[in-house]
Amino acid sequence: MSPTRRCSRTACARPAVATLTYVYADQTAVLGPLALHAEPHAYDLCEAHSERLSAPRGWEVMRLAPDPSLAGPSSDDLLALADAVREAARPAPVPPPAVRPVEETGREVARRGHLRVLTTD
């Protein structure tokens, strides 16, 4: 399987460059930059199919231009990566020492509910 996503149109093998979603309540088709992850209710389109896109009669097509400043990794991405590396390098926590139960030294002479009376003879 190829790491690049392909156009959702039948018999089109070109790489996807845009994602199409529908907002049914507003009768709007939204064509934007390629989404980070493939979504089941969105369509990935190649350059040719995204340019020739048409919507049903009465619907509006919104074309969102990609923001060039978002093309590369942001400072948030780099900070998240640095945090992940620090977390992976951190040694595993040491479990607390096991506590042994206290040994009883007396014998039970009476019991009232969950309480016991012990003697030390």
Protein backbone atom coordinates (compact mmCIF):
# COMPACT_ATOMS: atom_id res chain seq x y z
CA MET A 1 0.00 0.00 0.00
CA SER A 2 1.31 3.43 -0.95
CA PRO A 3 1.90 6.01 1.81
CA THR A 4 0.25 8.75 -0.32
CA ARG A 5 -3.52 8.92 -0.52
CA ARG A 6 -5.17 8.55 -3.91
CA CYS A 7 -8.09 10.41 -5.43
CA SER A 8 -11.48 9.03 -4.32
CA ARG A 9 -12.94 9.23 -7.82
CA THR A 10 -13.46 5.90 -9.55
CA ALA A 11 -10.57 4.79 -11.81
CA CYS A 12 -8.41 7.79 -10.85
CA ALA A 13 -4.97 6.84 -9.56
CA ARG A 14 -3.55 10.36 -9.17
CA PRO A 15 -2.43 11.52 -5.71
CA ALA A 16 -4.96 13.49 -3.66
CA VAL A 17 -4.32 17.17 -3.00
CA ALA A 18 -7.65 18.32 -1.52
CA THR A 19 -10.42 17.03 0.76
CA LEU A 20 -14.12 17.48 0.01
CA THR A 21 -16.73 17.47 2.79
CA TYR A 22 -20.41 18.29 2.79
CA VAL A 23 -22.39 20.38 5.29
CA TYR A 24 -25.89 19.13 4.57
CA ALA A 25 -27.62 21.54 6.97
CA ASP A 26 -26.18 24.54 5.08
CA GLN A 27 -26.29 22.91 1.62
CA THR A 28 -22.58 23.59 1.26
CA ALA A 29 -19.73 21.61 -0.22
CA VAL A 30 -16.38 22.52 1.35
CA LEU A 31 -13.19 21.88 -0.62
CA GLY A 32 -10.05 22.47 1.40
CA PRO A 33 -6.46 21.35 1.74
CA LEU A 34 -5.81 17.63 2.11
CA ALA A 35 -6.84 16.50 5.59
CA LEU A 36 -4.18 15.01 7.83
CA HIS A 37 -6.08 11.71 8.14
CA ALA A 38 -8.48 9.95 5.80
CA GLU A 39 -12.03 10.35 7.10
CA PRO A 40 -14.87 7.98 6.18
CA HIS A 41 -17.31 10.80 5.26
CA ALA A 42 -14.83 12.93 3.30
CA TYR A 43 -13.51 12.56 -0.23
CA ASP A 44 -9.88 13.07 -1.22
CA LEU A 45 -9.56 14.58 -4.70
CA CYS A 46 -6.67 15.04 -7.11
CA GLU A 47 -5.84 18.42 -8.67
CA ALA A 48 -7.91 17.79 -11.83
CA HIS A 49 -11.04 16.62 -10.02
CA SER A 50 -10.85 19.36 -7.38
CA GLU A 51 -10.76 22.04 -10.11
CA ARG A 52 -13.77 20.57 -11.97
CA LEU A 53 -15.88 20.09 -8.83
CA SER A 54 -19.53 21.05 -9.05
CA ALA A 55 -22.24 20.82 -6.40
CA PRO A 56 -25.95 19.99 -6.66
CA ARG A 57 -28.30 22.76 -7.78
CA GLY A 58 -28.92 25.23 -4.94
CA TRP A 59 -25.75 24.27 -3.10
CA GLU A 60 -22.77 26.54 -2.52
CA VAL A 61 -19.16 25.45 -3.02
CA MET A 62 -16.63 26.89 -0.58
CA ARG A 63 -13.02 26.60 -1.70
CA LEU A 64 -10.59 27.08 1.15
CA ALA A 65 -7.12 28.08 0.01
CA PRO A 66 -4.29 26.35 1.88
CA ASP A 67 -2.36 28.55 4.27
CA PRO A 68 1.30 28.54 3.12
CA SER A 69 2.54 29.16 6.67
CA LEU A 70 1.03 25.82 7.75
CA ALA A 71 2.85 23.81 5.08
CA GLY A 72 5.80 22.88 7.28
CA PRO A 73 6.07 21.81 10.90
CA SER A 74 5.00 24.46 13.38
CA SER A 75 6.67 25.30 16.67
CA ASP A 76 3.86 23.36 18.41
CA ASP A 77 4.77 20.26 16.40
CA LEU A 78 8.43 20.60 17.35
CA LEU A 79 7.59 21.10 21.04
CA ALA A 80 5.31 18.05 21.02
CA LEU A 81 8.08 15.99 19.43
CA ALA A 82 10.61 17.19 22.03
CA ASP A 83 8.18 16.33 24.86
CA ALA A 84 7.63 12.86 23.42
CA VAL A 85 11.39 12.25 23.23
CA ARG A 86 11.86 13.43 26.83
CA GLU A 87 9.02 11.18 28.01
CA ALA A 88 10.49 8.16 26.21
CA ALA A 89 13.95 8.81 27.71
CA ARG A 90 12.61 9.13 31.25
CA PRO A 91 13.40 6.02 33.34
CA ALA A 92 10.53 3.84 34.42
CA PRO A 93 9.18 4.71 37.90
CA VAL A 94 10.49 2.54 40.72
CA PRO A 95 7.65 0.70 42.48
CA PRO A 96 7.37 1.37 46.23
CA PRO A 97 8.82 -1.32 48.48
CA ALA A 98 6.39 -4.04 49.44
CA VAL A 99 4.95 -3.71 52.92
CA ARG A 100 4.79 -6.96 54.87
CA PRO A 101 1.70 -7.51 56.97
CA VAL A 102 2.22 -7.13 60.71
CA GLU A 103 2.40 -10.47 62.49
CA GLU A 104 -0.03 -10.91 65.35
CA THR A 105 1.57 -11.64 68.70
CA GLY A 106 -1.51 -12.30 70.80
CA ARG A 107 -4.51 -14.55 70.73
CA GLU A 108 -8.09 -13.52 70.16
CA VAL A 109 -10.30 -13.55 73.25
CA ALA A 110 -13.35 -11.63 72.02
CA ARG A 111 -14.87 -10.28 68.83
CA ARG A 112 -17.43 -7.53 68.31
CA GLY A 113 -18.33 -6.95 64.63
CA HIS A 114 -15.12 -6.38 62.75
CA LEU A 115 -13.10 -5.59 65.91
CA ARG A 116 -11.03 -8.18 67.80
CA VAL A 117 -9.67 -8.19 71.34
CA LEU A 118 -6.21 -9.77 71.64
CA THR A 119 -4.25 -10.75 74.71
CA THR A 120 -0.46 -10.76 74.91
CA ASP A 121 0.12 -13.72 77.25
